[in-house]
Amino acid sequence: MIKTTLFMENFYILDDERVRQFLITGEDKALLIDTGFEDSHVYEAVRQITNLPVEVIMTHGDMDHTGGLSDFGACRLHRADWHLVKDKTIRLEPLSEGDAFQCGGYCLRTIEIPGHTLGSTAFFDEDKGLLLSGDSVQKPGPIYMFGDWRSLDLYIESQKKLLELKDRVKTILPCHHEYPIGPEYIEYNLKDAEALKNGELTGERHPYLPCSSFKGLWTEFYYDKSNTPLQTAEHPAGSRKERL
C-alpha cells in the first residue's frame, strides 16, 4: 500500500515502505521519478493524484525502481542500465548528463553518478537545493554494492562529484531509508566507501544474499569483494567521470 505525501508544492512522495518514488504535477503534464516494484501499483497511486500525461525518468535500472514501467510504457533511463529492464516492450529513451526536466515550478538537471549501478543518475533542482539521489546517497543504508552492474571505484568517484554540490544542496531525498537527509551524507557515504575500499571495514556474511555487510561510521554497504563489474561503452569500470 503506497502512502502519498505532499512534501512540497506540486511535489509528492509515493512510499510503500520499501522504496519511494517522486511525482511532480504541472499544468500540462506530470513528471514521475521511478516506478517502484511491480506490486507497488505506482500507476494507480499516480492516477489518484493526476490525470495528466506522465513523463517517467529513472534514477537507475534496478527492479525495485523499474517494476512498474509496464504501466507507463516508456521512460528516460541511462543507456548503461538498459540491460536491467526485463520487459522488452518498454520504450527506453536515453538519459544523459545535463538533461533537464521542467514541471510544476521545478527544473531537475540530470547528474551521472555511476557506481550503485553503472547507469545511476541523480536529479538536482539548484534553485530549491533539492537533490534526488536514487540509491547512491542514503542514511544509513544498506547501499547495495554487489553484482556485475556495480562498481565501488565508480561509486567513490561519483560521491566526490556530488560533494562539489554540497554547498548548493539543502535537502536530499533518497529512495530508501530515512528522509529527508542533509548534504553532509554525501561526505559520510564517501568516507565510509573509501574505508570499505581500503579494507578498513570488517564484513559479516549476509544470511541469504551473495555478499557481506560492511558497516562504516555512518553507512552500511552490502558488498562482495570478488565482484568485477561489467564494462560498458558509457562507463568503463574504474573510469573517472567529468566533474561538475
Protein backbone atom coordinates (compact mmCIF):
# COMPACT_ATOMS: atom_id res chain seq x y z
CA MET A 1 0.00 0.00 0.00
CA ILE A 2 1.52 3.28 -1.09
CA LYS A 3 1.41 6.26 1.24
CA THR A 4 1.18 9.54 -0.65
CA THR A 5 2.64 12.69 0.94
CA LEU A 6 2.55 16.23 -0.43
CA PHE A 7 6.13 17.13 0.50
CA MET A 8 6.44 20.48 -1.28
CA GLU A 9 4.24 22.47 -3.63
CA ASN A 10 3.29 20.22 -6.58
CA PHE A 11 5.76 17.60 -5.27
CA TYR A 12 4.52 14.25 -3.96
CA ILE A 13 6.35 11.36 -2.34
CA LEU A 14 4.94 7.88 -3.04
CA ASP A 15 6.25 5.40 -0.46
CA ASP A 16 5.37 1.73 0.09
CA GLU A 17 7.93 1.43 2.96
CA ARG A 18 10.31 -0.49 0.69
CA VAL A 19 11.11 2.10 -1.97
CA ARG A 20 9.85 5.59 -2.74
CA GLN A 21 9.04 7.45 -5.92
CA PHE A 22 8.52 11.15 -6.59
CA LEU A 23 5.76 12.82 -8.60
CA ILE A 24 5.69 16.44 -9.74
CA THR A 25 2.48 17.84 -11.16
CA GLY A 26 2.40 20.72 -13.63
CA GLU A 27 -0.22 22.39 -15.80
CA ASP A 28 0.16 20.22 -18.88
CA LYS A 29 1.99 17.13 -17.67
CA ALA A 30 3.31 15.28 -14.64
CA LEU A 31 6.87 14.10 -14.06
CA LEU A 32 7.44 10.77 -12.28
CA ILE A 33 10.81 9.72 -10.93
CA ASP A 34 10.99 5.89 -10.76
CA THR A 35 8.13 3.37 -10.80
CA GLY A 36 8.74 1.05 -7.82
CA PHE A 37 8.21 -2.69 -7.61
CA GLU A 38 5.65 -4.28 -9.91
CA ASP A 39 3.39 -4.87 -6.90
CA SER A 40 3.80 -1.29 -5.63
CA HIS A 41 1.00 -0.21 -8.01
CA VAL A 42 2.57 3.17 -8.60
CA TYR A 43 0.41 3.83 -11.65
CA GLU A 44 -2.76 3.63 -9.55
CA ALA A 45 -1.25 5.97 -6.95
CA VAL A 46 -0.29 8.47 -9.65
CA ARG A 47 -3.78 8.37 -11.16
CA GLN A 48 -5.32 9.15 -7.79
CA ILE A 49 -3.36 12.42 -7.89
CA THR A 50 -3.49 13.48 -11.55
CA ASN A 51 -4.93 12.54 -14.94
CA LEU A 52 -2.24 14.48 -16.82
CA PRO A 53 0.16 12.77 -19.23
CA VAL A 54 3.12 11.38 -17.28
CA GLU A 55 6.76 11.58 -18.29
CA VAL A 56 8.91 8.99 -16.48
CA ILE A 57 12.58 9.48 -15.68
CA MET A 58 14.67 6.91 -13.84
CA THR A 59 17.40 7.13 -11.20
CA HIS A 60 18.62 3.67 -12.26
CA GLY A 61 17.53 0.29 -13.56
CA ASP A 62 17.21 -1.97 -10.50
CA MET A 63 13.96 -3.95 -10.43
CA ASP A 64 12.62 -2.19 -7.33
CA HIS A 65 12.65 1.03 -9.38
CA THR A 66 11.61 -0.29 -12.81
CA GLY A 67 8.96 -2.82 -11.78
CA GLY A 68 6.04 -0.53 -12.60
CA LEU A 69 7.31 0.58 -16.02
CA SER A 70 4.91 -1.68 -17.92
CA ASP A 71 2.03 0.53 -16.80
CA PHE A 72 3.67 3.62 -18.31
CA GLY A 73 5.19 2.13 -21.46
CA ALA A 74 8.24 4.40 -21.76
CA CYS A 75 10.92 6.11 -19.73
CA ARG A 76 14.20 8.01 -19.86
CA LEU A 77 17.00 5.84 -18.45
CA HIS A 78 20.78 5.95 -18.79
CA ARG A 79 21.88 3.54 -21.52
CA ALA A 80 24.26 1.70 -19.17
CA ASP A 81 21.22 0.35 -17.28
CA TRP A 82 19.03 -0.60 -20.23
CA HIS A 83 20.00 -4.26 -19.86
CA LEU A 84 18.42 -4.30 -16.38
CA VAL A 85 14.91 -3.67 -17.79
CA LYS A 86 13.48 -7.13 -18.42
CA ASP A 87 10.24 -6.03 -20.09
CA LYS A 88 11.32 -5.57 -23.69
CA THR A 89 8.05 -3.84 -24.61
CA ILE A 90 9.15 -0.72 -22.71
CA ARG A 91 10.31 2.13 -24.95
CA LEU A 92 13.64 3.19 -23.49
CA GLU A 93 14.97 6.64 -24.30
CA PRO A 94 18.49 7.78 -23.34
CA LEU A 95 19.21 9.88 -20.29
CA SER A 96 22.49 11.78 -20.07
CA GLU A 97 24.45 14.32 -18.03
CA GLY A 98 22.83 17.75 -18.13
CA ASP A 99 19.41 16.66 -19.43
CA ALA A 100 16.85 18.97 -17.79
CA PHE A 101 13.19 18.35 -16.98
CA GLN A 102 10.83 21.19 -16.12
CA CYS A 103 7.48 20.64 -14.47
CA GLY A 104 5.35 22.32 -11.82
CA GLY A 105 7.88 25.01 -10.98
CA TYR A 106 10.80 22.57 -10.73
CA CYS A 107 13.80 22.15 -13.02
CA LEU A 108 15.59 18.86 -12.47
CA ARG A 109 19.03 18.56 -14.03
CA THR A 110 20.48 15.10 -14.61
CA ILE A 111 23.80 14.18 -12.98
CA GLU A 112 25.50 10.92 -13.95
CA ILE A 113 26.67 9.12 -10.80
CA PRO A 114 27.66 5.56 -11.78
CA GLY A 115 28.58 3.12 -9.05
CA HIS A 116 25.48 1.73 -7.35
CA THR A 117 24.64 0.79 -10.93
CA LEU A 118 26.67 1.74 -13.97
CA GLY A 119 23.78 3.90 -15.17
CA SER A 120 22.82 5.57 -11.90
CA THR A 121 21.75 9.20 -12.10
CA ALA A 122 20.67 11.89 -9.65
CA PHE A 123 18.37 14.83 -10.32
CA PHE A 124 19.14 18.28 -8.91
CA ASP A 125 16.98 21.40 -8.68
CA GLU A 126 19.56 24.08 -7.94
CA ASP A 127 17.07 26.85 -7.18
CA LYS A 128 15.44 24.77 -4.47
CA GLY A 129 18.61 23.00 -3.37
CA LEU A 130 16.81 19.68 -3.84
CA LEU A 131 18.77 16.54 -4.74
CA LEU A 132 17.02 13.29 -5.68
CA SER A 133 19.84 10.84 -5.11
CA GLY A 134 18.30 7.48 -6.05
CA ASP A 135 20.10 4.81 -4.02
CA SER A 136 23.51 6.48 -4.12
CA VAL A 137 23.20 8.75 -1.07
CA GLN A 138 21.45 7.23 1.93
CA LYS A 139 21.14 7.26 5.70
CA PRO A 140 22.12 4.72 6.98
CA GLY A 141 21.84 2.17 4.18
CA PRO A 142 22.43 -0.61 3.40
CA ILE A 143 23.59 0.54 -0.02
CA TYR A 144 23.76 -2.42 -2.41
CA MET A 145 27.22 -2.72 -3.95
CA PHE A 146 27.34 -6.31 -5.18
CA GLY A 147 26.61 -7.69 -8.63
CA ASP A 148 28.06 -7.37 -12.11
CA TRP A 149 26.44 -3.97 -12.70
CA ARG A 150 28.02 -2.17 -9.71
CA SER A 151 31.41 -0.59 -9.11
CA LEU A 152 32.83 0.62 -5.81
CA ASP A 153 35.53 2.62 -7.61
CA LEU A 154 32.95 4.47 -9.72
CA TYR A 155 30.75 4.97 -6.66
CA ILE A 156 33.59 6.73 -4.85
CA GLU A 157 34.30 8.95 -7.85
CA SER A 158 30.60 9.82 -8.12
CA GLN A 159 30.38 10.74 -4.44
CA LYS A 160 33.35 13.07 -4.96
CA LYS A 161 31.47 14.58 -7.88
CA LEU A 162 28.35 15.11 -5.77
CA LEU A 163 30.49 16.56 -2.98
CA GLU A 164 31.20 19.52 -5.23
CA LEU A 165 27.47 20.32 -4.97
CA LYS A 166 27.39 20.16 -1.18
CA ASP A 167 27.19 23.91 -0.56
CA ARG A 168 24.29 24.19 -3.01
CA VAL A 169 22.26 21.26 -1.64
CA LYS A 170 19.73 21.87 1.12
CA THR A 171 17.67 18.69 1.03
CA ILE A 172 18.37 15.16 -0.18
CA LEU A 173 15.54 12.74 -0.88
CA PRO A 174 16.84 9.18 -1.25
CA CYS A 175 14.70 6.30 -2.48
CA HIS A 176 15.28 4.15 0.61
CA HIS A 177 15.52 4.52 4.37
CA GLU A 178 15.43 7.85 6.20
CA TYR A 179 14.33 11.07 4.51
CA PRO A 180 14.85 13.94 4.13
CA ILE A 181 18.55 13.97 4.88
CA GLY A 182 21.16 16.72 4.76
CA PRO A 183 24.04 17.26 2.33
CA GLU A 184 26.54 16.01 4.91
CA TYR A 185 25.56 12.45 3.98
CA ILE A 186 27.33 12.79 0.65
CA GLU A 187 30.61 13.10 2.55
CA TYR A 188 29.61 10.48 5.12
CA ASN A 189 28.84 7.91 2.40
CA LEU A 190 32.08 8.81 0.62
CA LYS A 191 34.24 8.38 3.72
CA ASP A 192 32.70 5.01 4.52
CA ALA A 193 33.05 3.85 0.90
CA GLU A 194 36.72 4.80 0.94
CA ALA A 195 37.15 2.90 4.21
CA LEU A 196 35.50 -0.11 2.55
CA LYS A 197 37.83 0.09 -0.45
CA ASN A 198 40.88 0.43 1.81
CA GLY A 199 39.99 -2.71 3.76
CA GLU A 200 39.24 -0.82 6.96
CA LEU A 201 35.76 -2.31 7.48
CA THR A 202 35.05 -5.84 8.70
CA GLY A 203 32.45 -7.78 6.77
CA GLU A 204 29.82 -10.17 8.09
CA ARG A 205 28.38 -12.67 5.61
CA HIS A 206 24.77 -11.92 4.73
CA PRO A 207 22.43 -14.80 5.65
CA TYR A 208 20.89 -15.13 2.18
CA LEU A 209 22.28 -12.51 -0.24
CA PRO A 210 25.56 -13.23 -2.13
CA CYS A 211 27.51 -10.56 -0.26
CA SER A 212 28.73 -9.41 3.13
CA SER A 213 27.58 -6.50 5.27
CA PHE A 214 30.22 -3.83 5.96
CA LYS A 215 29.30 -1.13 8.46
CA GLY A 216 31.15 2.17 8.47
CA LEU A 217 30.69 5.04 10.88
CA TRP A 218 27.58 6.24 9.06
CA THR A 219 26.82 3.82 6.25
CA GLU A 220 26.25 0.11 5.77
CA PHE A 221 27.22 -1.46 2.44
CA TYR A 222 26.24 -4.84 1.03
CA TYR A 223 29.38 -5.69 -0.91
CA ASP A 224 31.19 -8.61 -2.49
CA LYS A 225 34.92 -8.03 -2.73
CA SER A 226 35.23 -10.57 -5.54
CA ASN A 227 32.81 -8.59 -7.70
CA THR A 228 34.18 -7.48 -11.07
CA PRO A 229 31.75 -5.03 -12.69
CA LEU A 230 30.81 -5.29 -16.34
CA GLN A 231 32.31 -2.61 -18.53
CA THR A 232 30.13 -0.52 -20.82
CA ALA A 233 30.90 2.00 -23.51
CA GLU A 234 29.27 4.69 -21.36
CA HIS A 235 31.05 3.83 -18.11
CA PRO A 236 34.16 1.63 -18.35
CA ALA A 237 34.76 0.21 -14.89
CA GLY A 238 37.07 2.42 -12.92
CA SER A 239 36.88 5.41 -15.27
CA ARG A 240 36.83 8.91 -13.86
CA LYS A 241 33.68 10.91 -14.54
CA GLU A 242 33.56 14.51 -15.62
CA ARG A 243 33.31 16.78 -12.60
CA LEU A 244 30.62 19.41 -12.15
